[in-house]
């Protein structure tokens, strides 16, 4: 009976998340509380279950909030601007280098883990170049998606943070062993971009128009983009993001809406870029070494960035205001997920569900379960949003795998190889997806068809690298 209640609860949660009928917080926290009461637990017991779950995800929540604020500060003071400008100049007039520069720019812009910010930076910056050269906008969205997707495995990105919260470990325990594989993924994404650029160069040389030939001359497109692009794209962006938020859609990475910075431009000190660079470098070193908790690492980094770059209470407080919406959205979602995980675990539902699943699933698939999870990550991103998968599917997979000696952390790592990482730029279940196709003005279906194969290929390459370095076992004995 307990197993049945658990499965029905998960199906209800998945349905609510997939159909976007309620806020993720309502689905993730409300449904398990009702289920636990139906299972015969007293309100005080359910309260203890929920608090246990919230405690288990607290460090991940703290890490995420301060990571969002920290990268918001760096973006606000223009830390990434010189790098972005150089990458844009690197593109030149060759379709091959333009495509590579696009993917590289998306990778750098996605260092903060926010898909909305990445697309707001890369699409308006690169679109005029694509128009001038006659390159396809589908190539633009593919290159941007590959660069952002490969970088979305970062520990302060949404998928890795969710996966870590689900299996009850620090985010860097999931991410750090995968760093070499992620680097391979970025290189593979750049290689695919080079190929796509070469294909565009051949098409242009033959005089074939792009599938979405621009009706505007290159000069006019450049002028329009430079003079009014920010306002026009900003307005369209706002409408897209408001629509996404109205349906409770989770954005990838930081689950952020457009990180619009409407504070005065002169409110920060003129600090040399290398000073902020040292803070960022030190933070990354601490994260990879595991000297302290990622939550404390980003807390200290945020404090240093605030003190160094901003004077006074008002200017420093404004940085939290700028990031408040995205930080609150992700923090509240993670806390609600903690309620779900706590109720499932402490009530015994997850154990009962795993026992019943073991009796149904073919035993032959269990030794390669991590491989199956990783391989299916990208296509499954079409059907499961980040919340639905990491808080609905992964807990059951982890419990089932534990019965066969599979470490839940391994399944978490297998998941972040493709599920809503390389898969998020093709996922209609993330708000940032609509921002990507909206800014580039490409049909959703054609974008998905144009990117899914390449994203899947890069995820397979990342999986192979993870197997080679011993993170993902080829076979679980």
Protein backbone atom coordinates (compact mmCIF):
# COMPACT_ATOMS: atom_id res chain seq x y z
CA UNK A 1 0.00 0.00 0.00
CA UNK A 2 2.84 2.40 0.89
CA UNK A 3 4.48 1.70 -2.47
CA UNK A 4 1.23 2.45 -4.31
CA UNK A 5 0.79 5.76 -2.50
CA UNK A 6 4.36 6.67 -3.36
CA UNK A 7 3.99 5.91 -7.05
CA UNK A 8 0.65 7.69 -7.33
CA UNK A 9 2.18 10.71 -5.61
CA UNK A 10 5.12 10.77 -8.03
CA UNK A 11 2.80 10.43 -11.02
CA UNK A 12 0.69 13.33 -9.76
CA UNK A 13 3.81 15.45 -9.22
CA UNK A 14 5.16 14.61 -12.67
CA UNK A 15 1.81 15.40 -14.28
CA UNK A 16 1.55 18.74 -12.51
CA UNK A 17 5.11 19.68 -13.45
CA UNK A 18 4.81 18.53 -17.06
CA UNK A 19 1.42 20.17 -17.64
CA UNK A 20 2.50 23.29 -15.77
CA UNK A 21 -0.82 23.60 -13.97
CA UNK A 22 0.66 24.80 -10.67
CA UNK A 23 3.88 26.25 -9.33
CA UNK A 24 6.65 23.66 -8.87
CA UNK A 25 6.61 24.52 -5.16
CA UNK A 26 2.97 23.46 -4.87
CA UNK A 27 3.63 20.17 -6.63
CA UNK A 28 6.91 19.31 -4.91
CA UNK A 29 5.86 20.14 -1.35
CA UNK A 30 2.07 19.94 -1.31
CA UNK A 31 1.57 16.52 -2.89
CA UNK A 32 3.98 14.55 -0.64
CA UNK A 33 2.54 16.14 2.51
CA UNK A 34 -0.96 15.04 1.50
CA UNK A 35 0.36 11.60 0.54
CA UNK A 36 2.10 11.16 3.89
CA UNK A 37 -1.09 12.05 5.74
CA UNK A 38 -3.07 9.58 3.61
CA UNK A 39 -0.49 6.92 4.46
CA UNK A 40 -1.45 7.31 8.12
CA UNK A 41 1.28 9.58 9.45
CA UNK A 42 0.37 12.23 11.99
CA UNK A 43 0.88 15.94 11.23
CA UNK A 44 3.78 16.08 13.70
CA UNK A 45 5.46 13.14 11.95
CA UNK A 46 4.98 14.72 8.54
CA UNK A 47 6.47 17.93 9.91
CA UNK A 48 9.55 16.03 11.09
CA UNK A 49 9.86 14.33 7.69
CA UNK A 50 9.70 17.68 5.88
CA UNK A 51 12.19 19.38 8.20
CA UNK A 52 14.64 16.51 7.75
CA UNK A 53 14.42 16.96 4.00
CA UNK A 54 14.83 20.73 4.17
CA UNK A 55 17.91 20.28 6.34
CA UNK A 56 19.42 17.91 3.78
CA UNK A 57 19.22 20.47 0.96
CA UNK A 58 20.07 23.59 2.99
CA UNK A 59 23.71 23.76 1.92
CA UNK A 60 22.78 23.43 -1.75
CA UNK A 61 20.24 26.25 -1.38
CA UNK A 62 22.82 28.52 0.25
CA UNK A 63 25.36 27.73 -2.47
CA UNK A 64 22.89 28.53 -5.21
CA UNK A 65 21.70 31.83 -3.74
CA UNK A 66 25.20 33.20 -3.23
CA UNK A 67 26.44 31.85 -6.57
CA UNK A 68 23.68 33.78 -8.35
CA UNK A 69 24.54 36.98 -6.45
CA UNK A 70 28.31 36.51 -6.98
CA UNK A 71 28.10 36.08 -10.74
CA UNK A 72 25.55 38.86 -10.91
CA UNK A 73 28.13 41.18 -9.33
CA UNK A 74 30.83 40.13 -11.81
CA UNK A 75 28.45 40.68 -14.70
CA UNK A 76 27.33 44.07 -13.33
CA UNK A 77 30.87 45.44 -13.02
CA UNK A 78 31.69 44.34 -16.57
CA UNK A 79 34.12 41.57 -15.67
CA UNK A 80 33.09 39.42 -18.64
CA UNK A 81 32.82 42.27 -21.18
CA UNK A 82 36.45 42.25 -22.45
CA UNK A 83 36.34 38.50 -22.97
CA UNK A 84 33.03 38.74 -24.80
CA UNK A 85 34.30 41.56 -27.03
CA UNK A 86 37.43 39.61 -27.98
CA UNK A 87 35.44 36.49 -28.79
CA UNK A 88 33.13 38.50 -31.05
CA UNK A 89 36.16 39.99 -32.85
CA UNK A 90 37.62 36.49 -33.15
CA UNK A 91 34.69 35.50 -35.35
CA UNK A 92 35.80 37.76 -38.17
CA UNK A 93 34.11 37.12 -41.52
CA UNK A 94 34.65 33.38 -41.92
CA UNK A 95 31.56 31.24 -41.22
CA UNK A 96 33.79 28.62 -39.58
CA UNK A 97 35.38 31.00 -37.10
CA UNK A 98 32.06 32.77 -36.52
CA UNK A 99 30.42 29.47 -35.56
CA UNK A 100 33.29 28.56 -33.23
CA UNK A 101 33.28 32.04 -31.70
CA UNK A 102 29.53 31.72 -31.11
CA UNK A 103 29.93 28.47 -29.17
CA UNK A 104 32.91 29.85 -27.24
CA UNK A 105 30.98 33.02 -26.37
CA UNK A 106 28.01 30.96 -25.13
CA UNK A 107 30.35 28.87 -22.98
CA UNK A 108 31.91 31.94 -21.36
CA UNK A 109 28.56 33.69 -20.93
CA UNK A 110 27.16 30.59 -19.25
CA UNK A 111 29.74 30.66 -16.46
CA UNK A 112 27.01 32.00 -14.18
CA UNK A 113 24.78 29.03 -15.00
CA UNK A 114 21.85 31.18 -16.15
CA UNK A 115 20.47 30.26 -19.56
CA UNK A 116 18.47 33.47 -19.90
CA UNK A 117 21.56 35.65 -19.39
CA UNK A 118 23.58 33.52 -21.81
CA UNK A 119 21.04 33.88 -24.59
CA UNK A 120 20.58 37.61 -23.95
CA UNK A 121 24.32 38.09 -24.40
CA UNK A 122 25.07 35.78 -27.31
CA UNK A 123 22.09 36.04 -29.66
CA UNK A 124 21.95 39.88 -30.00
CA UNK A 125 25.76 40.02 -30.23
CA UNK A 126 26.15 37.39 -32.96
CA UNK A 127 22.91 37.75 -34.95
CA UNK A 128 24.07 40.79 -36.99
CA UNK A 129 27.20 38.88 -38.03
CA UNK A 130 25.12 35.91 -39.15
CA UNK A 131 22.85 38.25 -41.11
CA UNK A 132 25.77 40.00 -42.78
CA UNK A 133 27.37 36.72 -43.86
CA UNK A 134 24.10 35.09 -44.86
CA UNK A 135 24.47 32.32 -42.28
CA UNK A 136 21.45 30.38 -41.06
CA UNK A 137 19.93 31.37 -37.75
CA UNK A 138 19.46 27.66 -37.03
CA UNK A 139 23.24 27.37 -37.02
CA UNK A 140 23.33 30.27 -34.56
CA UNK A 141 20.91 28.62 -32.12
CA UNK A 142 22.68 25.26 -32.49
CA UNK A 143 26.09 26.74 -31.70
CA UNK A 144 24.74 28.75 -28.76
CA UNK A 145 22.87 25.71 -27.43
CA UNK A 146 25.94 23.49 -27.61
CA UNK A 147 28.15 25.98 -25.78
CA UNK A 148 25.59 26.68 -23.04
CA UNK A 149 24.62 23.02 -22.72
CA UNK A 150 28.18 21.79 -22.23
CA UNK A 151 28.74 24.41 -19.52
CA UNK A 152 25.45 23.70 -17.73
CA UNK A 153 27.11 20.86 -15.79
CA UNK A 154 28.68 23.44 -13.44
CA UNK A 155 27.81 22.85 -9.76
CA UNK A 156 25.89 26.12 -9.50
CA UNK A 157 23.89 25.18 -12.57
CA UNK A 158 20.38 23.90 -12.01
CA UNK A 159 20.79 20.22 -13.00
CA UNK A 160 23.88 19.52 -10.89
CA UNK A 161 22.46 21.36 -7.88
CA UNK A 162 19.21 19.40 -8.17
CA UNK A 163 21.04 16.10 -8.61
CA UNK A 164 23.22 16.77 -5.56
CA UNK A 165 20.19 17.70 -3.45
CA UNK A 166 18.40 14.52 -4.51
CA UNK A 167 21.23 12.15 -3.58
CA UNK A 168 22.18 14.14 -0.48
CA UNK A 169 25.73 15.28 -1.28
CA UNK A 170 27.50 18.56 -1.97
CA UNK A 171 27.24 19.71 -5.58
CA UNK A 172 30.98 19.60 -6.13
CA UNK A 173 31.00 15.87 -5.26
CA UNK A 174 28.89 15.32 -8.35
CA UNK A 175 30.74 17.80 -10.56
CA UNK A 176 34.45 17.63 -9.68
CA UNK A 177 35.07 14.06 -10.96
CA UNK A 178 33.32 15.04 -14.20
CA UNK A 179 35.53 18.08 -14.91
CA UNK A 180 37.79 16.27 -17.46
CA UNK A 181 34.72 14.88 -19.22
CA UNK A 182 33.11 18.32 -19.27
CA UNK A 183 36.25 19.81 -20.82
CA UNK A 184 36.07 17.11 -23.50
CA UNK A 185 32.42 18.09 -24.02
CA UNK A 186 33.29 21.76 -24.56
CA UNK A 187 35.99 20.77 -27.06
CA UNK A 188 33.52 18.47 -28.83
CA UNK A 189 30.98 21.31 -28.97
CA UNK A 190 33.60 23.57 -30.57
CA UNK A 191 34.40 20.80 -33.05
CA UNK A 192 30.74 20.49 -34.01
CA UNK A 193 30.56 24.29 -34.38
CA UNK A 194 33.54 24.18 -36.76
CA UNK A 195 31.76 21.54 -38.84
CA UNK A 196 28.53 23.54 -38.89
CA UNK A 197 30.48 26.63 -39.92
CA UNK A 198 32.22 24.70 -42.70
CA UNK A 199 28.85 23.48 -43.94
CA UNK A 200 27.57 27.05 -43.95
CA UNK A 201 30.65 28.23 -45.86
CA UNK A 202 30.05 25.63 -48.58
CA UNK A 203 26.38 26.57 -48.86
CA UNK A 204 27.19 30.27 -49.11
CA UNK A 205 29.93 29.60 -51.70
CA UNK A 206 27.36 27.78 -53.87
CA UNK A 207 25.04 30.74 -53.67
CA UNK A 208 22.28 28.87 -51.88
CA UNK A 209 20.20 31.08 -49.57
CA UNK A 210 19.78 30.13 -45.94
CA UNK A 211 16.57 28.49 -44.87
CA UNK A 212 15.58 31.74 -43.20
CA UNK A 213 16.91 34.32 -45.63
CA UNK A 214 16.88 37.75 -44.06
CA UNK A 215 14.78 40.38 -45.82
CA UNK A 216 16.85 43.15 -44.27
CA UNK A 217 20.12 44.29 -45.75
CA UNK A 218 23.18 43.65 -43.63
CA UNK A 219 23.83 47.33 -43.00
CA UNK A 220 20.27 48.00 -41.92
CA UNK A 221 20.27 44.90 -39.75
CA UNK A 222 23.44 46.06 -38.04
CA UNK A 223 22.09 49.55 -37.49
CA UNK A 224 18.74 48.31 -36.22
CA UNK A 225 20.36 45.82 -33.89
CA UNK A 226 22.86 48.29 -32.48
CA UNK A 227 20.42 51.16 -32.06
CA UNK A 228 17.22 49.47 -30.98
CA UNK A 229 18.18 45.85 -30.49
CA UNK A 230 18.46 46.15 -26.74
CA UNK A 231 14.99 47.64 -26.38
CA UNK A 232 13.34 45.39 -28.93
CA UNK A 233 14.95 42.22 -27.71
CA UNK A 234 14.39 43.29 -24.14
CA UNK A 235 10.67 43.74 -24.77
CA UNK A 236 10.38 40.41 -26.55
CA UNK A 237 12.49 38.78 -23.88
CA UNK A 238 10.29 40.13 -21.13
CA UNK A 239 7.15 38.79 -22.77
CA UNK A 240 8.72 35.38 -23.24
CA UNK A 241 9.98 35.16 -19.70
CA UNK A 242 6.75 36.48 -18.18
CA UNK A 243 4.84 33.84 -20.08
CA UNK A 244 7.25 31.17 -18.88
CA UNK A 245 7.04 32.32 -15.29
CA UNK A 246 3.26 32.51 -15.42
CA UNK A 247 3.18 28.81 -16.12
CA UNK A 248 5.69 28.01 -13.41
CA UNK A 249 8.26 26.94 -15.94
CA UNK A 250 11.68 26.25 -14.52
CA UNK A 251 14.50 27.95 -16.31
CA UNK A 252 17.68 25.92 -16.73
CA UNK A 253 20.88 26.83 -14.91
CA UNK A 254 19.88 29.33 -12.28
CA UNK A 255 16.19 29.19 -13.10
CA UNK A 256 16.55 32.84 -13.77
CA UNK A 257 14.53 35.28 -15.68
CA UNK A 258 16.42 37.81 -17.72
CA UNK A 259 18.97 39.30 -15.39
CA UNK A 260 18.21 42.85 -16.32
CA UNK A 261 20.47 45.32 -14.67
CA UNK A 262 18.60 48.58 -14.31
CA UNK A 263 20.78 50.09 -11.59
CA UNK A 264 23.00 53.10 -12.31
CA UNK A 265 26.10 52.37 -14.34
CA UNK A 266 28.41 54.37 -12.06
CA UNK A 267 27.48 52.80 -8.75
CA UNK A 268 30.59 50.63 -8.54
CA UNK A 269 34.30 51.30 -8.12
CA UNK A 270 36.72 51.09 -11.04
CA UNK A 271 38.49 47.98 -9.79
CA UNK A 272 41.05 46.32 -12.11
CA UNK A 273 39.62 43.22 -13.75
CA UNK A 274 42.42 41.03 -12.42
CA UNK A 275 41.23 41.64 -8.85
CA UNK A 276 37.81 40.13 -9.56
CA UNK A 277 39.55 37.50 -11.65
CA UNK A 278 41.56 36.41 -8.63
CA UNK A 279 38.38 36.09 -6.56
CA UNK A 280 36.76 33.96 -9.26
CA UNK A 281 39.87 31.82 -9.71
CA UNK A 282 40.24 31.29 -5.96
CA UNK A 283 36.57 30.32 -5.69
CA UNK A 284 36.90 27.75 -8.47
CA UNK A 285 40.05 26.30 -6.91
CA UNK A 286 38.31 25.95 -3.56
CA UNK A 287 35.30 24.30 -5.22
CA UNK A 288 37.44 21.77 -7.07
CA UNK A 289 39.67 21.01 -4.09
CA UNK A 290 36.80 20.61 -1.65
CA UNK A 291 38.62 22.53 1.09
CA UNK A 292 35.35 24.02 2.32
CA UNK A 293 31.69 23.62 1.48
CA UNK A 294 30.64 25.23 -1.84
CA UNK A 295 28.06 27.21 0.12
CA UNK A 296 30.78 28.82 2.25
CA UNK A 297 33.02 29.32 -0.78
CA UNK A 298 30.38 31.37 -2.60
CA UNK A 299 29.37 33.18 0.59
CA UNK A 300 32.95 34.38 1.11
CA UNK A 301 33.34 35.18 -2.60
CA UNK A 302 30.17 37.27 -2.53
CA UNK A 303 31.34 39.17 0.56
CA UNK A 304 34.71 39.95 -1.04
CA UNK A 305 33.12 40.99 -4.34
CA UNK A 306 30.68 43.30 -2.55
CA UNK A 307 33.33 44.95 -0.38
CA UNK A 308 35.80 45.43 -3.23
CA UNK A 309 33.39 46.63 -5.92
CA UNK A 310 30.68 48.59 -4.10
CA UNK A 311 30.62 51.33 -1.46
CA UNK A 312 27.95 51.60 1.17
CA UNK A 313 24.84 49.75 2.21
CA UNK A 314 22.62 50.99 -0.62
CA UNK A 315 24.89 49.93 -3.48
CA UNK A 316 25.70 46.58 -1.90
CA UNK A 317 22.05 45.84 -1.11
CA UNK A 318 21.07 46.64 -4.69
CA UNK A 319 23.10 43.65 -5.90
CA UNK A 320 20.82 41.36 -3.92
CA UNK A 321 17.77 43.15 -5.32
CA UNK A 322 18.99 42.56 -8.87
CA UNK A 323 19.35 38.81 -8.28
CA UNK A 324 16.40 38.44 -5.90
CA UNK A 325 13.88 36.98 -8.32
CA UNK A 326 16.09 34.26 -9.77
CA UNK A 327 17.61 33.44 -6.38
CA UNK A 328 14.23 33.17 -4.65
CA UNK A 329 12.74 31.05 -7.42
CA UNK A 330 15.52 28.47 -7.29
CA UNK A 331 15.90 28.53 -3.50
CA UNK A 332 12.19 28.00 -2.90
CA UNK A 333 12.08 25.20 -5.48
CA UNK A 334 15.00 23.42 -3.84
CA UNK A 335 13.46 23.79 -0.39
CA UNK A 336 10.17 22.38 -1.69
CA UNK A 337 12.13 19.51 -3.23
CA UNK A 338 13.70 18.96 0.19
CA UNK A 339 10.19 18.47 1.60
CA UNK A 340 9.49 15.90 -1.11
CA UNK A 341 12.72 14.01 -0.52
CA UNK A 342 12.34 14.10 3.24
CA UNK A 343 8.78 12.77 3.18
CA UNK A 344 9.61 10.03 0.68
CA UNK A 345 12.66 8.89 2.62
CA UNK A 346 11.58 9.27 6.23
CA UNK A 347 8.12 7.77 5.65
CA UNK A 348 9.59 4.69 4.01
CA UNK A 349 7.86 5.33 0.68
CA UNK A 350 11.04 5.45 -1.38
CA UNK A 351 12.28 2.15 0.04
CA UNK A 352 8.93 0.50 -0.62
CA UNK A 353 8.83 1.91 -4.15
CA UNK A 354 12.33 0.63 -4.87
CA UNK A 355 11.50 -2.85 -3.60
CA UNK A 356 8.48 -3.07 -5.88
CA UNK A 357 10.40 -1.66 -8.86
CA UNK A 358 13.14 -4.25 -8.47
CA UNK A 359 10.54 -6.97 -8.94
CA UNK A 360 9.31 -5.40 -12.20
CA UNK A 361 12.43 -4.09 -13.93
CA UNK A 362 14.53 -6.63 -15.84
CA UNK A 363 17.60 -7.53 -13.82
CA UNK A 364 19.71 -7.54 -16.97
CA UNK A 365 19.52 -3.76 -17.32
CA UNK A 366 20.79 -3.02 -13.83
CA UNK A 367 24.54 -3.49 -14.44
CA UNK A 368 24.39 -0.87 -17.21
CA UNK A 369 21.80 1.41 -15.59
CA UNK A 370 24.19 4.42 -15.36
CA UNK A 371 25.02 4.03 -19.07
CA UNK A 372 21.33 3.88 -19.99
CA UNK A 373 20.58 6.96 -17.88
CA UNK A 374 23.40 8.95 -19.51
CA UNK A 375 22.57 7.88 -23.07
CA UNK A 376 18.90 8.81 -22.74
CA UNK A 377 19.57 12.15 -21.04
CA UNK A 378 19.31 14.45 -24.06
CA UNK A 379 16.16 12.98 -25.65
CA UNK A 380 14.50 12.62 -22.24
CA UNK A 381 14.94 16.38 -21.80
CA UNK A 382 12.07 16.73 -24.28
CA UNK A 383 9.72 14.96 -21.88
CA UNK A 384 11.01 15.80 -18.39
CA UNK A 385 11.87 19.26 -17.15
CA UNK A 386 14.65 19.64 -14.57
CA UNK A 387 12.32 19.52 -11.57
CA UNK A 388 10.31 16.58 -12.89
CA UNK A 389 13.37 14.48 -13.62
CA UNK A 390 15.72 15.29 -10.75
CA UNK A 391 13.05 15.39 -8.06
CA UNK A 392 10.64 12.86 -9.54
CA UNK A 393 12.56 10.24 -11.51
CA UNK A 394 16.09 10.30 -10.07
CA UNK A 395 15.04 9.44 -6.48
CA UNK A 396 13.37 6.23 -7.70
CA UNK A 397 16.31 5.36 -9.97
CA UNK A 398 18.73 5.92 -7.07
CA UNK A 399 16.73 3.72 -4.72
CA UNK A 400 16.44 0.94 -7.31
CA UNK A 401 20.12 1.18 -8.18
CA UNK A 402 21.12 0.97 -4.52
CA UNK A 403 19.57 -2.50 -4.35
CA UNK A 404 22.09 -3.55 -7.00
CA UNK A 405 25.08 -1.80 -5.47
CA UNK A 406 24.98 1.27 -7.71
CA UNK A 407 26.11 4.42 -5.92
CA UNK A 408 23.38 7.11 -6.17
CA UNK A 409 26.12 9.67 -6.87
CA UNK A 410 27.05 7.73 -10.02
CA UNK A 411 23.45 7.90 -11.23
CA UNK A 412 23.43 11.63 -10.46
CA UNK A 413 26.61 12.05 -12.52
CA UNK A 414 25.16 9.97 -15.34
CA UNK A 415 22.08 12.18 -15.31
CA UNK A 416 23.91 15.50 -15.55
CA UNK A 417 25.81 14.32 -18.61
CA UNK A 418 22.74 14.99 -20.73
CA UNK A 419 19.51 15.52 -18.79
CA UNK A 420 18.76 19.28 -18.92
CA UNK A 421 22.46 20.05 -19.46
CA UNK A 422 23.23 19.44 -23.11
CA UNK A 423 19.52 18.73 -23.35
CA UNK A 424 18.21 22.02 -21.94
CA UNK A 425 18.54 24.08 -25.18
CA UNK A 426 16.06 21.70 -26.85
CA UNK A 427 13.74 21.30 -23.86
CA UNK A 428 10.32 22.99 -24.24
CA UNK A 429 9.96 22.52 -20.48
CA UNK A 430 12.48 25.24 -19.63
CA UNK A 431 11.76 28.94 -19.93
CA UNK A 432 15.19 29.78 -21.34
CA UNK A 433 14.45 27.55 -24.35
CA UNK A 434 11.77 29.97 -25.53
CA UNK A 435 14.15 32.87 -25.05
CA UNK A 436 16.70 31.15 -27.29
CA UNK A 437 14.32 30.52 -30.19
CA UNK A 438 12.51 33.82 -29.63
CA UNK A 439 15.59 36.04 -29.83
CA UNK A 440 16.84 34.21 -32.93
CA UNK A 441 13.33 34.07 -34.41
CA UNK A 442 13.52 30.42 -35.50
CA UNK A 443 10.71 27.84 -35.50
CA UNK A 444 10.73 25.68 -32.39
CA UNK A 445 10.40 22.40 -34.27
CA UNK A 446 13.19 23.14 -36.73
CA UNK A 447 15.47 24.27 -33.92
CA UNK A 448 14.91 21.03 -31.99
CA UNK A 449 15.48 18.90 -35.10
CA UNK A 450 18.57 20.88 -35.99
CA UNK A 451 20.19 20.64 -32.55
CA UNK A 452 19.08 17.39 -30.94
CA UNK A 453 21.40 15.15 -32.96
CA UNK A 454 24.47 17.28 -32.28
CA UNK A 455 23.62 17.72 -28.59
CA UNK A 456 23.10 13.97 -28.28
CA UNK A 457 26.42 13.30 -30.02
CA UNK A 458 28.31 15.63 -27.66
CA UNK A 459 26.63 14.00 -24.64
CA UNK A 460 27.76 10.57 -25.87
CA UNK A 461 31.31 11.90 -26.23
CA UNK A 462 31.13 13.24 -22.66
CA UNK A 463 29.85 9.83 -21.50
CA UNK A 464 32.73 8.03 -23.23
CA UNK A 465 35.19 10.41 -21.55
CA UNK A 466 33.52 9.78 -18.17
CA UNK A 467 33.84 6.02 -18.71
CA UNK A 468 37.50 6.34 -19.70
CA UNK A 469 38.39 8.33 -16.56
CA UNK A 470 36.45 5.86 -14.41
CA UNK A 471 33.62 8.10 -13.20
CA UNK A 472 30.83 6.13 -14.91
CA UNK A 473 31.31 2.35 -14.69
CA UNK A 474 30.85 0.40 -17.90
CA UNK A 475 29.39 -2.47 -15.92
CA UNK A 476 28.29 -2.74 -12.30
CA UNK A 477 29.13 -6.15 -10.91
